[in-house]
Amino acid sequence: MGVRKKNMADQIKADKKQRAFAKLTNCPTSPRKMRLVADQVRGIEVEKALYILKFSPKDASKNLEKLLLSAIANWQAKNENSSIEEAGLFVKSICVDSAGMLKRLRPAPQGRAHRIRKRSNHVTLELGSKNLSK
C-alpha cells in the first residue's frame, strides 16, 4: 500500500472514531411533529441539547432525548480514553424521515368512510466532535 493511501486510511479511521450515531426506527409520531423538536437541537452542544429536550413540553422530545443518550453512549464506547467535556460533542446532523403508515377507516355519516393515516418516522442522529485531536 502506498504512503498516500495509508495516510488517507488513517485519516478516515480518525474521523470515524470522532463520530458516533444512533438510529430510531418506526417511532409512532408523525414526522412533522418530530422535525419540530429535531430542529431545536440541530448543531447544538450535547449538554445544551439534553437540557432543551428534557424541558420541552412536546411528546417527541422524550424519544429524542433517549436517542441522544444512546448516541453519547455509542461515542463513549468508541472513545474509552476520552471525556465528553474535552471532546466538545455536538449534534452534527439529525435527520427525520417518514416510515410506514398504518391505514385505518373511520365510519362517517351516510354510509361513507374516512381514511385515517397513522404516521411513523425514522430518526438518525449523528454526533460530531469539535476537538479532533487525540
N, C-alpha and C. Protein backbone atom coordinates (compact mmCIF):
# COMPACT_ATOMS: atom_id res chain seq x y z
N MET A 1 0.85 -1.17 0.00
CA MET A 1 0.00 0.00 0.00
C MET A 1 0.90 1.24 0.00
N GLY A 2 0.50 2.21 -0.81
CA GLY A 2 1.28 3.44 -0.92
C GLY A 2 1.14 4.31 0.31
N VAL A 3 2.06 5.27 0.41
CA VAL A 3 2.07 6.17 1.57
C VAL A 3 0.82 7.04 1.59
N ARG A 4 0.42 7.52 0.41
CA ARG A 4 -0.75 8.38 0.35
C ARG A 4 -2.01 7.63 0.75
N LYS A 5 -2.15 6.38 0.27
CA LYS A 5 -3.32 5.57 0.63
C LYS A 5 -3.34 5.30 2.13
N LYS A 6 -2.17 5.02 2.69
CA LYS A 6 -2.09 4.73 4.13
C LYS A 6 -2.49 5.96 4.95
N ASN A 7 -2.01 7.13 4.53
CA ASN A 7 -2.37 8.36 5.24
C ASN A 7 -3.87 8.63 5.16
N MET A 8 -4.45 8.40 3.99
CA MET A 8 -5.89 8.60 3.84
C MET A 8 -6.67 7.62 4.70
N ALA A 9 -6.21 6.37 4.75
CA ALA A 9 -6.89 5.36 5.57
C ALA A 9 -6.82 5.73 7.04
N ASP A 10 -5.66 6.21 7.49
CA ASP A 10 -5.53 6.63 8.89
C ASP A 10 -6.43 7.82 9.19
N GLN A 11 -6.53 8.73 8.23
CA GLN A 11 -7.38 9.90 8.44
C GLN A 11 -8.86 9.51 8.52
N ILE A 12 -9.28 8.57 7.67
CA ILE A 12 -10.66 8.10 7.69
C ILE A 12 -10.97 7.40 9.01
N LYS A 13 -10.01 6.59 9.51
CA LYS A 13 -10.22 5.92 10.80
C LYS A 13 -10.35 6.93 11.92
N ALA A 14 -9.54 7.98 11.89
CA ALA A 14 -9.61 9.01 12.93
C ALA A 14 -10.95 9.75 12.88
N ASP A 15 -11.43 10.02 11.66
CA ASP A 15 -12.73 10.69 11.52
C ASP A 15 -13.86 9.81 12.04
N LYS A 16 -13.80 8.50 11.73
CA LYS A 16 -14.84 7.59 12.20
C LYS A 16 -14.84 7.48 13.71
N LYS A 17 -13.66 7.59 14.30
CA LYS A 17 -13.57 7.46 15.75
C LYS A 17 -14.21 8.66 16.45
N GLN A 18 -14.17 9.81 15.81
CA GLN A 18 -14.73 11.01 16.42
C GLN A 18 -16.24 11.11 16.25
N ARG A 19 -16.81 10.37 15.29
CA ARG A 19 -18.25 10.46 15.03
C ARG A 19 -18.97 9.25 15.61
N ALA A 20 -20.14 9.49 16.09
CA ALA A 20 -20.99 8.39 16.58
C ALA A 20 -22.42 8.72 16.20
N PHE A 21 -23.21 7.69 15.95
CA PHE A 21 -24.60 7.93 15.57
C PHE A 21 -25.50 6.91 16.22
N ALA A 22 -26.78 7.22 16.19
CA ALA A 22 -27.81 6.32 16.72
C ALA A 22 -29.04 6.47 15.84
N LYS A 23 -29.78 5.39 15.70
CA LYS A 23 -30.98 5.39 14.87
C LYS A 23 -32.19 5.00 15.68
N LEU A 24 -33.29 5.65 15.40
CA LEU A 24 -34.57 5.31 16.00
C LEU A 24 -35.50 4.98 14.84
N THR A 25 -36.02 3.75 14.83
CA THR A 25 -36.86 3.34 13.70
C THR A 25 -38.29 3.10 14.17
N ASN A 26 -39.21 3.39 13.27
CA ASN A 26 -40.63 3.16 13.49
C ASN A 26 -41.16 3.79 14.77
N CYS A 27 -40.81 5.03 15.00
CA CYS A 27 -41.32 5.77 16.15
C CYS A 27 -42.74 6.24 15.81
N PRO A 28 -43.74 5.92 16.64
CA PRO A 28 -45.13 6.22 16.29
C PRO A 28 -45.52 7.68 16.51
N THR A 29 -44.75 8.59 15.94
CA THR A 29 -45.04 10.02 15.96
C THR A 29 -44.97 10.51 14.52
N SER A 30 -45.77 11.46 14.16
CA SER A 30 -45.71 11.92 12.78
C SER A 30 -44.38 12.64 12.55
N PRO A 31 -43.82 12.51 11.35
CA PRO A 31 -42.53 13.13 11.07
C PRO A 31 -42.55 14.65 11.23
N ARG A 32 -43.66 15.26 10.95
CA ARG A 32 -43.76 16.71 11.07
C ARG A 32 -43.58 17.17 12.52
N LYS A 33 -44.21 16.43 13.44
CA LYS A 33 -44.09 16.78 14.86
C LYS A 33 -42.68 16.51 15.37
N MET A 34 -42.06 15.43 14.87
CA MET A 34 -40.70 15.11 15.30
C MET A 34 -39.69 16.12 14.76
N ARG A 35 -39.92 16.62 13.55
CA ARG A 35 -38.99 17.60 12.96
C ARG A 35 -38.99 18.91 13.74
N LEU A 36 -40.14 19.27 14.33
CA LEU A 36 -40.21 20.49 15.13
C LEU A 36 -39.23 20.43 16.29
N VAL A 37 -39.13 19.26 16.92
CA VAL A 37 -38.23 19.09 18.06
C VAL A 37 -36.80 18.92 17.57
N ALA A 38 -36.61 18.19 16.46
CA ALA A 38 -35.26 17.94 15.94
C ALA A 38 -34.58 19.23 15.51
N ASP A 39 -35.35 20.17 14.97
CA ASP A 39 -34.77 21.43 14.52
C ASP A 39 -34.25 22.26 15.69
N GLN A 40 -34.78 22.04 16.88
CA GLN A 40 -34.32 22.80 18.05
C GLN A 40 -32.92 22.40 18.50
N VAL A 41 -32.53 21.13 18.26
CA VAL A 41 -31.25 20.66 18.79
C VAL A 41 -30.18 20.47 17.72
N ARG A 42 -30.49 20.70 16.46
CA ARG A 42 -29.51 20.52 15.39
C ARG A 42 -28.38 21.53 15.53
N GLY A 43 -27.13 21.03 15.58
CA GLY A 43 -25.96 21.90 15.64
C GLY A 43 -25.62 22.43 17.02
N ILE A 44 -26.27 21.94 18.06
CA ILE A 44 -26.07 22.44 19.42
C ILE A 44 -25.20 21.46 20.21
N GLU A 45 -24.47 21.97 21.19
CA GLU A 45 -23.66 21.12 22.06
C GLU A 45 -24.55 20.11 22.77
N VAL A 46 -23.96 18.96 23.12
CA VAL A 46 -24.73 17.84 23.67
C VAL A 46 -25.40 18.20 24.99
N GLU A 47 -24.68 18.88 25.88
CA GLU A 47 -25.25 19.20 27.19
C GLU A 47 -26.46 20.12 27.06
N LYS A 48 -26.32 21.13 26.20
CA LYS A 48 -27.41 22.08 25.99
C LYS A 48 -28.61 21.40 25.32
N ALA A 49 -28.32 20.49 24.38
CA ALA A 49 -29.38 19.76 23.69
C ALA A 49 -30.15 18.88 24.66
N LEU A 50 -29.45 18.25 25.60
CA LEU A 50 -30.13 17.42 26.61
C LEU A 50 -31.06 18.26 27.47
N TYR A 51 -30.62 19.47 27.85
CA TYR A 51 -31.48 20.34 28.65
C TYR A 51 -32.72 20.77 27.84
N ILE A 52 -32.53 21.09 26.58
CA ILE A 52 -33.65 21.52 25.74
C ILE A 52 -34.67 20.39 25.64
N LEU A 53 -34.19 19.16 25.40
CA LEU A 53 -35.10 18.03 25.24
C LEU A 53 -35.78 17.65 26.56
N LYS A 54 -35.04 17.79 27.66
CA LYS A 54 -35.61 17.41 28.96
C LYS A 54 -36.78 18.31 29.35
N PHE A 55 -36.66 19.59 29.05
CA PHE A 55 -37.68 20.54 29.49
C PHE A 55 -38.65 20.96 28.39
N SER A 56 -38.60 20.29 27.26
CA SER A 56 -39.54 20.59 26.17
C SER A 56 -40.90 19.96 26.47
N PRO A 57 -41.99 20.67 26.24
CA PRO A 57 -43.31 20.10 26.52
C PRO A 57 -43.78 19.10 25.46
N LYS A 58 -43.10 19.04 24.33
CA LYS A 58 -43.53 18.15 23.24
C LYS A 58 -43.26 16.69 23.61
N ASP A 59 -44.15 15.81 23.17
CA ASP A 59 -44.02 14.39 23.49
C ASP A 59 -42.86 13.74 22.73
N ALA A 60 -42.56 14.26 21.54
CA ALA A 60 -41.47 13.70 20.73
C ALA A 60 -40.11 13.94 21.37
N SER A 61 -40.01 14.90 22.27
CA SER A 61 -38.72 15.21 22.89
C SER A 61 -38.23 14.08 23.78
N LYS A 62 -39.15 13.29 24.35
CA LYS A 62 -38.73 12.16 25.19
C LYS A 62 -37.99 11.12 24.36
N ASN A 63 -38.50 10.83 23.17
CA ASN A 63 -37.85 9.86 22.29
C ASN A 63 -36.49 10.37 21.80
N LEU A 64 -36.42 11.66 21.47
CA LEU A 64 -35.15 12.21 21.00
C LEU A 64 -34.12 12.29 22.12
N GLU A 65 -34.57 12.51 23.35
CA GLU A 65 -33.64 12.53 24.48
C GLU A 65 -33.00 11.16 24.67
N LYS A 66 -33.81 10.10 24.58
CA LYS A 66 -33.28 8.74 24.68
C LYS A 66 -32.30 8.45 23.55
N LEU A 67 -32.64 8.92 22.35
CA LEU A 67 -31.78 8.69 21.19
C LEU A 67 -30.45 9.42 21.35
N LEU A 68 -30.48 10.63 21.86
CA LEU A 68 -29.24 11.39 22.09
C LEU A 68 -28.37 10.72 23.14
N LEU A 69 -28.99 10.20 24.21
CA LEU A 69 -28.22 9.48 25.23
C LEU A 69 -27.60 8.21 24.65
N SER A 70 -28.31 7.56 23.75
CA SER A 70 -27.77 6.37 23.09
C SER A 70 -26.58 6.72 22.21
N ALA A 71 -26.66 7.83 21.48
CA ALA A 71 -25.55 8.26 20.64
C ALA A 71 -24.33 8.62 21.48
N ILE A 72 -24.57 9.23 22.64
CA ILE A 72 -23.46 9.56 23.55
C ILE A 72 -22.79 8.29 24.05
N ALA A 73 -23.61 7.30 24.41
CA ALA A 73 -23.06 6.01 24.86
C ALA A 73 -22.26 5.34 23.75
N ASN A 74 -22.74 5.44 22.51
CA ASN A 74 -22.00 4.87 21.38
C ASN A 74 -20.67 5.58 21.19
N TRP A 75 -20.64 6.91 21.38
CA TRP A 75 -19.39 7.65 21.27
C TRP A 75 -18.42 7.24 22.36
N GLN A 76 -18.93 7.04 23.58
CA GLN A 76 -18.06 6.63 24.69
C GLN A 76 -17.50 5.23 24.46
N ALA A 77 -18.27 4.35 23.82
CA ALA A 77 -17.77 3.01 23.53
C ALA A 77 -16.62 3.06 22.52
N LYS A 78 -16.67 4.00 21.58
CA LYS A 78 -15.60 4.14 20.60
C LYS A 78 -14.37 4.82 21.19
N ASN A 79 -14.59 5.77 22.07
CA ASN A 79 -13.50 6.59 22.64
C ASN A 79 -13.47 6.38 24.15
N GLU A 80 -12.89 5.27 24.58
CA GLU A 80 -12.90 4.95 26.00
C GLU A 80 -11.98 5.86 26.82
N ASN A 81 -10.90 6.35 26.21
CA ASN A 81 -9.93 7.16 26.96
C ASN A 81 -10.28 8.63 26.99
N SER A 82 -11.22 9.08 26.17
CA SER A 82 -11.56 10.50 26.07
C SER A 82 -12.77 10.83 26.95
N SER A 83 -12.85 12.09 27.35
CA SER A 83 -14.02 12.54 28.10
C SER A 83 -14.89 13.41 27.20
N ILE A 84 -16.17 13.45 27.53
CA ILE A 84 -17.13 14.19 26.69
C ILE A 84 -16.86 15.69 26.75
N GLU A 85 -16.49 16.20 27.92
CA GLU A 85 -16.26 17.63 28.07
C GLU A 85 -15.09 18.11 27.22
N GLU A 86 -14.01 17.31 27.17
CA GLU A 86 -12.84 17.71 26.39
C GLU A 86 -13.09 17.58 24.90
N ALA A 87 -13.92 16.63 24.50
CA ALA A 87 -14.15 16.38 23.08
C ALA A 87 -15.01 17.47 22.44
N GLY A 88 -15.86 18.12 23.21
CA GLY A 88 -16.73 19.16 22.64
C GLY A 88 -17.76 18.57 21.69
N LEU A 89 -18.51 17.58 22.18
CA LEU A 89 -19.50 16.91 21.32
C LEU A 89 -20.67 17.84 21.01
N PHE A 90 -21.15 17.74 19.78
CA PHE A 90 -22.34 18.49 19.37
C PHE A 90 -23.15 17.63 18.41
N VAL A 91 -24.41 18.00 18.22
CA VAL A 91 -25.30 17.26 17.31
C VAL A 91 -24.95 17.70 15.89
N LYS A 92 -24.23 16.85 15.18
CA LYS A 92 -23.75 17.21 13.84
C LYS A 92 -24.90 17.20 12.84
N SER A 93 -25.66 16.13 12.84
CA SER A 93 -26.82 16.08 11.95
C SER A 93 -27.92 15.26 12.59
N ILE A 94 -29.12 15.64 12.31
CA ILE A 94 -30.28 14.88 12.78
C ILE A 94 -31.28 14.88 11.63
N CYS A 95 -31.67 13.69 11.21
CA CYS A 95 -32.49 13.52 10.02
C CYS A 95 -33.76 12.76 10.40
N VAL A 96 -34.91 13.32 10.05
CA VAL A 96 -36.19 12.68 10.33
C VAL A 96 -36.84 12.31 9.00
N ASP A 97 -37.04 11.02 8.79
CA ASP A 97 -37.67 10.52 7.57
C ASP A 97 -38.98 9.83 7.92
N SER A 98 -39.90 9.81 6.99
CA SER A 98 -41.16 9.13 7.27
C SER A 98 -40.99 7.63 7.11
N ALA A 99 -41.71 6.88 7.92
CA ALA A 99 -41.67 5.42 7.91
C ALA A 99 -43.02 4.92 7.39
N GLY A 100 -43.31 3.67 7.66
CA GLY A 100 -44.57 3.10 7.21
C GLY A 100 -45.77 3.75 7.87
N MET A 101 -46.90 3.64 7.19
CA MET A 101 -48.12 4.25 7.68
C MET A 101 -49.15 3.18 7.97
N LEU A 102 -49.81 3.27 9.12
CA LEU A 102 -50.93 2.37 9.40
C LEU A 102 -52.19 3.05 8.87
N LYS A 103 -52.90 2.36 7.99
CA LYS A 103 -54.09 2.95 7.39
C LYS A 103 -55.33 2.33 8.01
N ARG A 104 -56.22 3.18 8.50
CA ARG A 104 -57.44 2.74 9.17
C ARG A 104 -58.63 3.45 8.53
N LEU A 105 -59.82 2.93 8.75
CA LEU A 105 -61.03 3.57 8.28
C LEU A 105 -61.90 3.95 9.46
N ARG A 106 -62.44 5.16 9.42
CA ARG A 106 -63.36 5.63 10.45
C ARG A 106 -64.73 5.81 9.81
N PRO A 107 -65.76 5.27 10.43
CA PRO A 107 -67.11 5.43 9.86
C PRO A 107 -67.51 6.91 9.80
N ALA A 108 -68.18 7.26 8.72
CA ALA A 108 -68.64 8.63 8.51
C ALA A 108 -70.14 8.59 8.21
N PRO A 109 -70.80 9.73 8.25
CA PRO A 109 -72.25 9.74 8.00
C PRO A 109 -72.62 9.25 6.60
N GLN A 110 -73.83 8.74 6.50
CA GLN A 110 -74.44 8.30 5.26
C GLN A 110 -73.66 7.17 4.59
N GLY A 111 -73.15 6.25 5.38
CA GLY A 111 -72.51 5.06 4.85
C GLY A 111 -71.12 5.27 4.27
N ARG A 112 -70.56 6.43 4.48
CA ARG A 112 -69.22 6.69 3.95
C ARG A 112 -68.17 6.32 4.98
N ALA A 113 -66.90 6.44 4.56
CA ALA A 113 -65.78 6.16 5.47
C ALA A 113 -64.68 7.18 5.21
N HIS A 114 -64.04 7.59 6.29
CA HIS A 114 -62.89 8.49 6.18
C HIS A 114 -61.64 7.70 6.48
N ARG A 115 -60.59 7.96 5.70
CA ARG A 115 -59.32 7.26 5.90
C ARG A 115 -58.50 7.96 6.98
N ILE A 116 -57.96 7.17 7.91
CA ILE A 116 -57.07 7.70 8.94
C ILE A 116 -55.69 7.13 8.67
N ARG A 117 -54.69 8.01 8.60
CA ARG A 117 -53.31 7.57 8.37
C ARG A 117 -52.51 7.83 9.63
N LYS A 118 -52.11 6.76 10.29
CA LYS A 118 -51.29 6.89 11.49
C LYS A 118 -49.83 6.83 11.06
N ARG A 119 -49.17 7.96 11.10
CA ARG A 119 -47.83 8.09 10.56
C ARG A 119 -46.78 7.71 11.61
N SER A 120 -45.63 7.27 11.12
CA SER A 120 -44.49 7.00 11.99
C SER A 120 -43.23 7.49 11.28
N ASN A 121 -42.10 7.48 11.98
CA ASN A 121 -40.89 8.05 11.40
C ASN A 121 -39.63 7.30 11.81
N HIS A 122 -38.56 7.58 11.09
CA HIS A 122 -37.22 7.10 11.41
C HIS A 122 -36.37 8.35 11.71
N VAL A 123 -35.55 8.27 12.75
CA VAL A 123 -34.67 9.38 13.10
C VAL A 123 -33.24 8.87 13.13
N THR A 124 -32.34 9.59 12.49
CA THR A 124 -30.91 9.28 12.54
C THR A 124 -30.20 10.49 13.12
N LEU A 125 -29.46 10.27 14.20
CA LEU A 125 -28.77 11.35 14.90
C LEU A 125 -27.28 11.05 14.86
N GLU A 126 -26.48 12.03 14.44
CA GLU A 126 -25.03 11.86 14.36
C GLU A 126 -24.36 12.93 15.21
N LEU A 127 -23.39 12.50 16.02
CA LEU A 127 -22.63 13.42 16.85
C LEU A 127 -21.30 13.71 16.18
N GLY A 128 -20.82 14.93 16.37
CA GLY A 128 -19.50 15.32 15.88
C GLY A 128 -18.70 15.86 17.04
N SER A 129 -17.39 15.94 16.84
CA SER A 129 -16.51 16.42 17.89
C SER A 129 -15.79 17.67 17.39
N LYS A 130 -15.76 18.71 18.21
CA LYS A 130 -15.09 19.95 17.81
C LYS A 130 -13.58 19.81 17.94
N ASN A 131 -13.11 19.07 18.94
CA ASN A 131 -11.68 18.88 19.14
C ASN A 131 -11.28 17.55 18.50
N LEU A 132 -10.64 17.63 17.34
CA LEU A 132 -10.29 16.40 16.61
C LEU A 132 -8.95 15.83 17.06
N SER A 133 -8.29 16.45 18.02
CA SER A 133 -7.02 15.91 18.49
C SER A 133 -7.25 14.67 19.33
N LYS A 134 -6.20 13.89 19.51
CA LYS A 134 -6.19 12.62 20.25
C LYS A 134 -6.73 11.53 19.46
